[in-house]
């Protein structure tokens, strides 16, 4: 369980985190944040690939994983000494990583397309939160950095969280759960001993982050980047806690929220 949870978390982060370079790529600013982003994504991807060896996957499934890892390493090496990374090139590697995640997801827990999209949404929320927090630190070191960058990063988090909130409400009244051999609605499951921790996932993974991202956006509006970064710190911790609860229920009960 723990190995599978960490594998999905690291692989999703490694594949989706570099996509947020699109935010800074539009300005063509040589702030070198791409080095940190790509190296962190590469570390996560490497950890995720290494963990897959303990899952006993077929060699054919691992081909996409190695292609992804090699391409991400090559992109990191190529753009390391350049002032910025071309986002469209980075996106190619992210697409390969997403394909690899889809294949192992289908193989291990027999998930469908909607389940994959929900997991990707969760990965985007976690990756976007961390990217916005890191970007907030850049304002302390780089003079005259446009406030529009942090505003765009925070808006993207708020958008993805809003999508998750809508999906959670829809799933609450439409999905059922098989717990201990009994089929029950999600609303019933939430009040059982097995489902009680899902409340923590909803609170820390959706409700609290929505409030924090809105407050961070309002703080960015008055150009208080230091205060916004503090809020984003709390946001990252909250999202990470919620993400772990969500993934636990995805793996244990095939419940994707």
C-alpha atoms as a PDB file:
ATOM      1  CA  UNK A   1       0.000   0.000   0.000  1.00  0.00           C
ATOM      2  CA  UNK A   2       2.659   2.515   1.088  1.00  0.00           C
ATOM      3  CA  UNK A   3       4.913   1.656  -1.854  1.00  0.00           C
ATOM      4  CA  UNK A   4       2.072   2.074  -4.334  1.00  0.00           C
ATOM      5  CA  UNK A   5       1.007   5.363  -2.741  1.00  0.00           C
ATOM      6  CA  UNK A   6       4.540   6.778  -2.901  1.00  0.00           C
ATOM      7  CA  UNK A   7       4.999   5.517  -6.462  1.00  0.00           C
ATOM      8  CA  UNK A   8       1.911   7.322  -7.747  1.00  0.00           C
ATOM      9  CA  UNK A   9       2.735  10.487  -5.782  1.00  0.00           C
ATOM     10  CA  UNK A  10       6.326  10.716  -7.025  1.00  0.00           C
ATOM     11  CA  UNK A  11       5.540   9.772 -10.624  1.00  0.00           C
ATOM     12  CA  UNK A  12       2.642  12.219 -10.884  1.00  0.00           C
ATOM     13  CA  UNK A  13       4.756  14.985  -9.393  1.00  0.00           C
ATOM     14  CA  UNK A  14       7.712  14.215 -11.668  1.00  0.00           C
ATOM     15  CA  UNK A  15       5.494  14.263 -14.757  1.00  0.00           C
ATOM     16  CA  UNK A  16       3.296  17.276 -13.966  1.00  0.00           C
ATOM     17  CA  UNK A  17       5.533  19.653 -12.008  1.00  0.00           C
ATOM     18  CA  UNK A  18       7.532  20.846 -15.076  1.00  0.00           C
ATOM     19  CA  UNK A  19       4.299  21.865 -16.843  1.00  0.00           C
ATOM     20  CA  UNK A  20       4.069  24.934 -14.612  1.00  0.00           C
ATOM     21  CA  UNK A  21       7.125  26.353 -16.360  1.00  0.00           C
ATOM     22  CA  UNK A  22       4.585  27.574 -18.935  1.00  0.00           C
ATOM     23  CA  UNK A  23       3.769  30.330 -16.439  1.00  0.00           C
ATOM     24  CA  UNK A  24       7.274  31.807 -16.489  1.00  0.00           C
ATOM     25  CA  UNK A  25       8.026  30.856 -20.094  1.00  0.00           C
ATOM     26  CA  UNK A  26       5.572  33.468 -21.393  1.00  0.00           C
ATOM     27  CA  UNK A  27       7.689  36.273 -19.914  1.00  0.00           C
ATOM     28  CA  UNK A  28      10.996  34.840 -21.201  1.00  0.00           C
ATOM     29  CA  UNK A  29      12.705  35.862 -17.963  1.00  0.00           C
ATOM     30  CA  UNK A  30      16.139  34.502 -17.146  1.00  0.00           C
ATOM     31  CA  UNK A  31      15.437  33.790 -13.467  1.00  0.00           C
ATOM     32  CA  UNK A  32      16.754  30.212 -13.586  1.00  0.00           C
ATOM     33  CA  UNK A  33      13.771  28.750 -11.752  1.00  0.00           C
ATOM     34  CA  UNK A  34      13.641  26.051 -14.423  1.00  0.00           C
ATOM     35  CA  UNK A  35      16.807  24.481 -12.996  1.00  0.00           C
ATOM     36  CA  UNK A  36      15.185  23.919  -9.634  1.00  0.00           C
ATOM     37  CA  UNK A  37      11.915  22.724 -11.160  1.00  0.00           C
ATOM     38  CA  UNK A  38      13.504  20.271 -13.584  1.00  0.00           C
ATOM     39  CA  UNK A  39      15.988  18.881 -11.053  1.00  0.00           C
ATOM     40  CA  UNK A  40      13.223  18.374  -8.476  1.00  0.00           C
ATOM     41  CA  UNK A  41      11.000  16.699 -11.077  1.00  0.00           C
ATOM     42  CA  UNK A  42      13.896  14.474 -12.167  1.00  0.00           C
ATOM     43  CA  UNK A  43      14.556  13.429  -8.561  1.00  0.00           C
ATOM     44  CA  UNK A  44      10.876  12.576  -8.036  1.00  0.00           C
ATOM     45  CA  UNK A  45      10.681  10.662 -11.319  1.00  0.00           C
ATOM     46  CA  UNK A  46      13.817   8.686 -10.458  1.00  0.00           C
ATOM     47  CA  UNK A  47      12.393   7.786  -7.050  1.00  0.00           C
ATOM     48  CA  UNK A  48       9.086   6.769  -8.612  1.00  0.00           C
ATOM     49  CA  UNK A  49      10.763   4.577 -11.235  1.00  0.00           C
ATOM     50  CA  UNK A  50      12.924   2.880  -8.602  1.00  0.00           C
ATOM     51  CA  UNK A  51       9.856   2.108  -6.495  1.00  0.00           C
ATOM     52  CA  UNK A  52       8.126   0.451  -9.458  1.00  0.00           C
ATOM     53  CA  UNK A  53      10.746  -2.318  -9.383  1.00  0.00           C
ATOM     54  CA  UNK A  54       9.263  -3.542  -6.092  1.00  0.00           C
ATOM     55  CA  UNK A  55       5.793  -3.759  -7.687  1.00  0.00           C
ATOM     56  CA  UNK A  56       6.737  -6.626 -10.012  1.00  0.00           C
ATOM     57  CA  UNK A  57       5.672  -4.901 -13.223  1.00  0.00           C
ATOM     58  CA  UNK A  58       6.220  -6.463 -16.636  1.00  0.00           C
ATOM     59  CA  UNK A  59       9.249  -5.264 -18.572  1.00  0.00           C
ATOM     60  CA  UNK A  60       7.094  -3.952 -21.393  1.00  0.00           C
ATOM     61  CA  UNK A  61       5.371  -1.602 -18.944  1.00  0.00           C
ATOM     62  CA  UNK A  62       8.718  -0.221 -17.830  1.00  0.00           C
ATOM     63  CA  UNK A  63       9.767   0.858 -21.342  1.00  0.00           C
ATOM     64  CA  UNK A  64       7.687   4.049 -21.183  1.00  0.00           C
ATOM     65  CA  UNK A  65       9.104   4.748 -17.729  1.00  0.00           C
ATOM     66  CA  UNK A  66      12.698   4.554 -18.899  1.00  0.00           C
ATOM     67  CA  UNK A  67      11.941   6.648 -21.997  1.00  0.00           C
ATOM     68  CA  UNK A  68      10.372   9.259 -19.741  1.00  0.00           C
ATOM     69  CA  UNK A  69      13.306   9.270 -17.319  1.00  0.00           C
ATOM     70  CA  UNK A  70      15.909   9.525 -20.097  1.00  0.00           C
ATOM     71  CA  UNK A  71      14.012  12.313 -21.872  1.00  0.00           C
ATOM     72  CA  UNK A  72      13.588  14.297 -18.641  1.00  0.00           C
ATOM     73  CA  UNK A  73      17.289  13.903 -17.848  1.00  0.00           C
ATOM     74  CA  UNK A  74      18.250  15.029 -21.368  1.00  0.00           C
ATOM     75  CA  UNK A  75      15.947  18.069 -21.165  1.00  0.00           C
ATOM     76  CA  UNK A  76      17.318  19.029 -17.743  1.00  0.00           C
ATOM     77  CA  UNK A  77      20.890  18.736 -18.993  1.00  0.00           C
ATOM     78  CA  UNK A  78      20.176  20.659 -22.210  1.00  0.00           C
ATOM     79  CA  UNK A  79      18.478  23.635 -20.547  1.00  0.00           C
ATOM     80  CA  UNK A  80      20.626  23.744 -17.423  1.00  0.00           C
ATOM     81  CA  UNK A  81      22.918  26.529 -18.657  1.00  0.00           C
ATOM     82  CA  UNK A  82      20.237  28.403 -20.543  1.00  0.00           C
ATOM     83  CA  UNK A  83      18.263  31.291 -19.004  1.00  0.00           C
ATOM     84  CA  UNK A  84      14.934  29.477 -19.440  1.00  0.00           C
ATOM     85  CA  UNK A  85      13.496  26.195 -20.678  1.00  0.00           C
ATOM     86  CA  UNK A  86      11.241  25.888 -23.714  1.00  0.00           C
ATOM     87  CA  UNK A  87       7.956  24.741 -22.213  1.00  0.00           C
ATOM     88  CA  UNK A  88       6.799  22.866 -25.306  1.00  0.00           C
ATOM     89  CA  UNK A  89       9.894  20.656 -25.087  1.00  0.00           C
ATOM     90  CA  UNK A  90       9.299  20.007 -21.392  1.00  0.00           C
ATOM     91  CA  UNK A  91       5.678  19.125 -22.162  1.00  0.00           C
ATOM     92  CA  UNK A  92       6.769  16.248 -24.408  1.00  0.00           C
ATOM     93  CA  UNK A  93       8.551  14.601 -21.494  1.00  0.00           C
ATOM     94  CA  UNK A  94       5.528  15.199 -19.249  1.00  0.00           C
ATOM     95  CA  UNK A  95       3.264  13.498 -21.785  1.00  0.00           C
ATOM     96  CA  UNK A  96       5.507  10.423 -21.839  1.00  0.00           C
ATOM     97  CA  UNK A  97       5.448  10.363 -18.041  1.00  0.00           C
ATOM     98  CA  UNK A  98       1.660  10.589 -18.023  1.00  0.00           C
ATOM     99  CA  UNK A  99       1.428   7.659 -20.450  1.00  0.00           C
ATOM    100  CA  UNK A 100       3.640   5.607 -18.142  1.00  0.00           C
ATOM    101  CA  UNK A 101       1.450   6.472 -15.147  1.00  0.00           C
ATOM    102  CA  UNK A 102      -1.686   5.534 -17.098  1.00  0.00           C
ATOM    103  CA  UNK A 103      -0.218   2.139 -17.986  1.00  0.00           C
ATOM    104  CA  UNK A 104       0.805   1.191 -14.450  1.00  0.00           C
ATOM    105  CA  UNK A 105      -2.490   2.538 -13.098  1.00  0.00           C
ATOM    106  CA  UNK A 106      -4.454   0.342 -15.491  1.00  0.00           C
ATOM    107  CA  UNK A 107      -2.258  -2.657 -14.727  1.00  0.00           C
ATOM    108  CA  UNK A 108      -2.274  -2.390 -10.927  1.00  0.00           C
ATOM    109  CA  UNK A 109      -5.756  -1.172  -9.978  1.00  0.00           C
ATOM    110  CA  UNK A 110      -7.673  -1.500 -13.259  1.00  0.00           C
ATOM    111  CA  UNK A 111      -8.584   2.199 -13.347  1.00  0.00           C
ATOM    112  CA  UNK A 112     -10.583   3.821 -16.141  1.00  0.00           C
ATOM    113  CA  UNK A 113     -10.070   7.158 -17.927  1.00  0.00           C
ATOM    114  CA  UNK A 114     -12.029   9.184 -15.367  1.00  0.00           C
ATOM    115  CA  UNK A 115      -9.947   7.724 -12.546  1.00  0.00           C
ATOM    116  CA  UNK A 116      -6.766   8.685 -14.393  1.00  0.00           C
ATOM    117  CA  UNK A 117      -8.026  12.236 -14.951  1.00  0.00           C
ATOM    118  CA  UNK A 118      -8.900  12.586 -11.267  1.00  0.00           C
ATOM    119  CA  UNK A 119      -5.416  11.427 -10.262  1.00  0.00           C
ATOM    120  CA  UNK A 120      -3.865  13.862 -12.743  1.00  0.00           C
ATOM    121  CA  UNK A 121      -5.994  16.653 -11.271  1.00  0.00           C
ATOM    122  CA  UNK A 122      -4.673  15.788  -7.822  1.00  0.00           C
ATOM    123  CA  UNK A 123      -1.124  15.799  -9.171  1.00  0.00           C
ATOM    124  CA  UNK A 124      -1.662  19.217 -10.751  1.00  0.00           C
ATOM    125  CA  UNK A 125      -2.949  20.620  -7.460  1.00  0.00           C
ATOM    126  CA  UNK A 126       0.059  19.344  -5.507  1.00  0.00           C
ATOM    127  CA  UNK A 127       2.560  20.370  -8.201  1.00  0.00           C
ATOM    128  CA  UNK A 128       0.974  23.790  -8.688  1.00  0.00           C
ATOM    129  CA  UNK A 129       0.937  24.498  -4.955  1.00  0.00           C
ATOM    130  CA  UNK A 130       4.624  23.694  -4.590  1.00  0.00           C
ATOM    131  CA  UNK A 131       5.501  25.663  -7.732  1.00  0.00           C
ATOM    132  CA  UNK A 132       3.666  28.747  -6.455  1.00  0.00           C
ATOM    133  CA  UNK A 133       5.432  28.486  -3.096  1.00  0.00           C
ATOM    134  CA  UNK A 134       8.844  28.201  -4.763  1.00  0.00           C
ATOM    135  CA  UNK A 135       7.998  31.077  -7.089  1.00  0.00           C
ATOM    136  CA  UNK A 136       7.099  33.178  -4.046  1.00  0.00           C
ATOM    137  CA  UNK A 137      10.647  32.674  -2.754  1.00  0.00           C
ATOM    138  CA  UNK A 138      12.042  33.922  -6.046  1.00  0.00           C
ATOM    139  CA  UNK A 139      10.535  37.357  -5.354  1.00  0.00           C
ATOM    140  CA  UNK A 140      12.862  37.675  -2.362  1.00  0.00           C
ATOM    141  CA  UNK A 141      15.945  37.244  -4.553  1.00  0.00           C
ATOM    142  CA  UNK A 142      15.008  38.681  -7.956  1.00  0.00           C
ATOM    143  CA  UNK A 143      14.391  42.415  -8.298  1.00  0.00           C
ATOM    144  CA  UNK A 144      11.417  43.691 -10.339  1.00  0.00           C
ATOM    145  CA  UNK A 145       9.950  40.242 -10.937  1.00  0.00           C
ATOM    146  CA  UNK A 146       6.454  40.745 -12.420  1.00  0.00           C
ATOM    147  CA  UNK A 147       3.683  40.117  -9.903  1.00  0.00           C
ATOM    148  CA  UNK A 148       1.680  38.569 -12.747  1.00  0.00           C
ATOM    149  CA  UNK A 149       3.724  35.359 -12.425  1.00  0.00           C
ATOM    150  CA  UNK A 150       2.671  34.668  -8.845  1.00  0.00           C
ATOM    151  CA  UNK A 151      -0.873  35.763  -9.650  1.00  0.00           C
ATOM    152  CA  UNK A 152      -1.067  33.291 -12.541  1.00  0.00           C
ATOM    153  CA  UNK A 153       0.366  30.467 -10.427  1.00  0.00           C
ATOM    154  CA  UNK A 154      -2.126  31.118  -7.623  1.00  0.00           C
ATOM    155  CA  UNK A 155      -5.039  31.378 -10.053  1.00  0.00           C
ATOM    156  CA  UNK A 156      -4.113  28.033 -11.575  1.00  0.00           C
ATOM    157  CA  UNK A 157      -4.225  26.384  -8.135  1.00  0.00           C
ATOM    158  CA  UNK A 158      -7.600  27.969  -7.405  1.00  0.00           C
ATOM    159  CA  UNK A 159      -8.905  26.727 -10.756  1.00  0.00           C
ATOM    160  CA  UNK A 160      -7.775  23.136 -10.213  1.00  0.00           C
ATOM    161  CA  UNK A 161      -9.120  23.142  -6.653  1.00  0.00           C
ATOM    162  CA  UNK A 162     -12.474  24.393  -7.919  1.00  0.00           C
ATOM    163  CA  UNK A 163     -12.583  21.482 -10.370  1.00  0.00           C
ATOM    164  CA  UNK A 164     -11.843  19.051  -7.543  1.00  0.00           C
ATOM    165  CA  UNK A 165     -14.587  20.607  -5.399  1.00  0.00           C
ATOM    166  CA  UNK A 166     -17.131  20.211  -8.211  1.00  0.00           C
ATOM    167  CA  UNK A 167     -16.063  16.601  -8.768  1.00  0.00           C
ATOM    168  CA  UNK A 168     -16.234  15.850  -5.033  1.00  0.00           C
ATOM    169  CA  UNK A 169     -19.812  17.113  -4.845  1.00  0.00           C
ATOM    170  CA  UNK A 170     -20.774  15.108  -7.938  1.00  0.00           C
ATOM    171  CA  UNK A 171     -19.080  11.948  -6.636  1.00  0.00           C
ATOM    172  CA  UNK A 172     -20.710  12.354  -3.242  1.00  0.00           C
ATOM    173  CA  UNK A 173     -24.149  11.784  -4.741  1.00  0.00           C
ATOM    174  CA  UNK A 174     -23.272   9.431  -7.599  1.00  0.00           C
ATOM    175  CA  UNK A 175     -20.514   7.028  -6.510  1.00  0.00           C
ATOM    176  CA  UNK A 176     -20.761   3.880  -4.440  1.00  0.00           C
ATOM    177  CA  UNK A 177     -18.121   2.015  -2.444  1.00  0.00           C
ATOM    178  CA  UNK A 178     -17.537  -1.684  -1.842  1.00  0.00           C
ATOM    179  CA  UNK A 179     -16.502  -1.946   1.803  1.00  0.00           C
ATOM    180  CA  UNK A 180     -16.123  -5.337   3.498  1.00  0.00           C
ATOM    181  CA  UNK A 181     -18.154  -6.978   0.752  1.00  0.00           C
ATOM    182  CA  UNK A 182     -21.063  -4.558   1.063  1.00  0.00           C
ATOM    183  CA  UNK A 183     -21.967  -2.032  -1.620  1.00  0.00           C
ATOM    184  CA  UNK A 184     -23.002   1.338  -0.205  1.00  0.00           C
ATOM    185  CA  UNK A 185     -23.328   4.915  -1.392  1.00  0.00           C
ATOM    186  CA  UNK A 186     -20.494   7.329  -0.743  1.00  0.00           C
ATOM    187  CA  UNK A 187     -22.685   9.381   1.593  1.00  0.00           C
ATOM    188  CA  UNK A 188     -23.230   6.271   3.740  1.00  0.00           C
ATOM    189  CA  UNK A 189     -19.560   5.273   3.541  1.00  0.00           C
ATOM    190  CA  UNK A 190     -18.466   8.638   4.956  1.00  0.00           C
ATOM    191  CA  UNK A 191     -20.169   7.791   8.258  1.00  0.00           C
ATOM    192  CA  UNK A 192     -18.579   4.358   8.640  1.00  0.00           C
ATOM    193  CA  UNK A 193     -15.380   3.567  10.519  1.00  0.00           C
ATOM    194  CA  UNK A 194     -13.552   2.921   7.229  1.00  0.00           C
ATOM    195  CA  UNK A 195     -14.735   6.150   5.642  1.00  0.00           C
ATOM    196  CA  UNK A 196     -14.249   8.577   8.485  1.00  0.00           C
ATOM    197  CA  UNK A 197     -10.738   9.540   7.384  1.00  0.00           C
ATOM    198  CA  UNK A 198     -12.111  10.601   4.013  1.00  0.00           C
ATOM    199  CA  UNK A 199     -13.446  13.675   5.820  1.00  0.00           C
ATOM    200  CA  UNK A 200      -9.810  14.617   6.499  1.00  0.00           C
ATOM    201  CA  UNK A 201      -9.009  14.201   2.808  1.00  0.00           C
ATOM    202  CA  UNK A 202     -11.884  16.459   1.777  1.00  0.00           C
ATOM    203  CA  UNK A 203     -10.998  19.090   4.383  1.00  0.00           C
ATOM    204  CA  UNK A 204      -7.222  19.193   3.883  1.00  0.00           C
ATOM    205  CA  UNK A 205      -7.291  18.352   0.172  1.00  0.00           C
ATOM    206  CA  UNK A 206     -10.116  20.609  -1.020  1.00  0.00           C
ATOM    207  CA  UNK A 207     -11.862  22.899   1.476  1.00  0.00           C
ATOM    208  CA  UNK A 208      -8.906  24.390   3.363  1.00  0.00           C
ATOM    209  CA  UNK A 209      -6.764  24.784   0.191  1.00  0.00           C
ATOM    210  CA  UNK A 210      -9.634  26.640  -1.502  1.00  0.00           C
ATOM    211  CA  UNK A 211      -9.709  29.164   1.335  1.00  0.00           C
ATOM    212  CA  UNK A 212      -5.910  29.478   1.477  1.00  0.00           C
ATOM    213  CA  UNK A 213      -5.499  29.917  -2.281  1.00  0.00           C
ATOM    214  CA  UNK A 214      -8.197  32.608  -2.302  1.00  0.00           C
ATOM    215  CA  UNK A 215      -6.477  34.443   0.566  1.00  0.00           C
ATOM    216  CA  UNK A 216      -3.117  34.108  -1.208  1.00  0.00           C
ATOM    217  CA  UNK A 217      -4.627  35.550  -4.384  1.00  0.00           C
ATOM    218  CA  UNK A 218      -6.024  38.519  -2.449  1.00  0.00           C
ATOM    219  CA  UNK A 219      -2.621  39.020  -0.823  1.00  0.00           C
ATOM    220  CA  UNK A 220      -0.903  38.952  -4.207  1.00  0.00           C
ATOM    221  CA  UNK A 221      -3.351  41.625  -5.376  1.00  0.00           C
ATOM    222  CA  UNK A 222      -1.831  44.069  -2.863  1.00  0.00           C
ATOM    223  CA  UNK A 223       1.705  43.000  -3.895  1.00  0.00           C
ATOM    224  CA  UNK A 224       2.495  41.436  -0.531  1.00  0.00           C
ATOM    225  CA  UNK A 225       4.508  38.547  -1.920  1.00  0.00           C
ATOM    226  CA  UNK A 226       6.069  37.604   1.410  1.00  0.00           C
ATOM    227  CA  UNK A 227       2.672  37.155   3.077  1.00  0.00           C
ATOM    228  CA  UNK A 228       1.395  35.264   0.039  1.00  0.00           C
ATOM    229  CA  UNK A 229       4.370  32.906   0.223  1.00  0.00           C
ATOM    230  CA  UNK A 230       3.589  32.217   3.888  1.00  0.00           C
ATOM    231  CA  UNK A 231       0.029  31.281   2.965  1.00  0.00           C
ATOM    232  CA  UNK A 232       1.329  29.090   0.151  1.00  0.00           C
ATOM    233  CA  UNK A 233       3.554  27.256   2.654  1.00  0.00           C
ATOM    234  CA  UNK A 234       0.475  26.279   4.652  1.00  0.00           C
ATOM    235  CA  UNK A 235      -1.321  25.452   1.400  1.00  0.00           C
ATOM    236  CA  UNK A 236       1.372  22.972   0.338  1.00  0.00           C
ATOM    237  CA  UNK A 237       1.243  21.165   3.694  1.00  0.00           C
ATOM    238  CA  UNK A 238      -2.558  20.995   3.589  1.00  0.00           C
ATOM    239  CA  UNK A 239      -2.654  19.761  -0.018  1.00  0.00           C
ATOM    240  CA  UNK A 240      -0.006  17.117   0.678  1.00  0.00           C
ATOM    241  CA  UNK A 241      -1.946  15.777   3.665  1.00  0.00           C
ATOM    242  CA  UNK A 242      -5.185  15.701   1.692  1.00  0.00           C
ATOM    243  CA  UNK A 243      -3.479  14.092  -1.286  1.00  0.00           C
ATOM    244  CA  UNK A 244      -2.236  11.197   0.837  1.00  0.00           C
ATOM    245  CA  UNK A 245      -5.755  10.544   2.160  1.00  0.00           C
ATOM    246  CA  UNK A 246      -7.240  10.745  -1.337  1.00  0.00           C
ATOM    247  CA  UNK A 247      -4.677   8.332  -2.770  1.00  0.00           C
ATOM    248  CA  UNK A 248      -5.195   5.886   0.085  1.00  0.00           C
ATOM    249  CA  UNK A 249      -8.895   5.626  -0.743  1.00  0.00           C
ATOM    250  CA  UNK A 250      -8.097   5.419  -4.459  1.00  0.00           C
ATOM    251  CA  UNK A 251      -5.880   2.395  -3.921  1.00  0.00           C
ATOM    252  CA  UNK A 252      -7.835   0.696  -1.133  1.00  0.00           C
ATOM    253  CA  UNK A 253     -11.410   1.287  -2.308  1.00  0.00           C
ATOM    254  CA  UNK A 254     -11.033   2.377  -5.961  1.00  0.00           C
ATOM    255  CA  UNK A 255     -12.581   5.678  -4.878  1.00  0.00           C
ATOM    256  CA  UNK A 256     -11.160   8.568  -6.907  1.00  0.00           C
ATOM    257  CA  UNK A 257     -11.882  12.039  -5.514  1.00  0.00           C
END
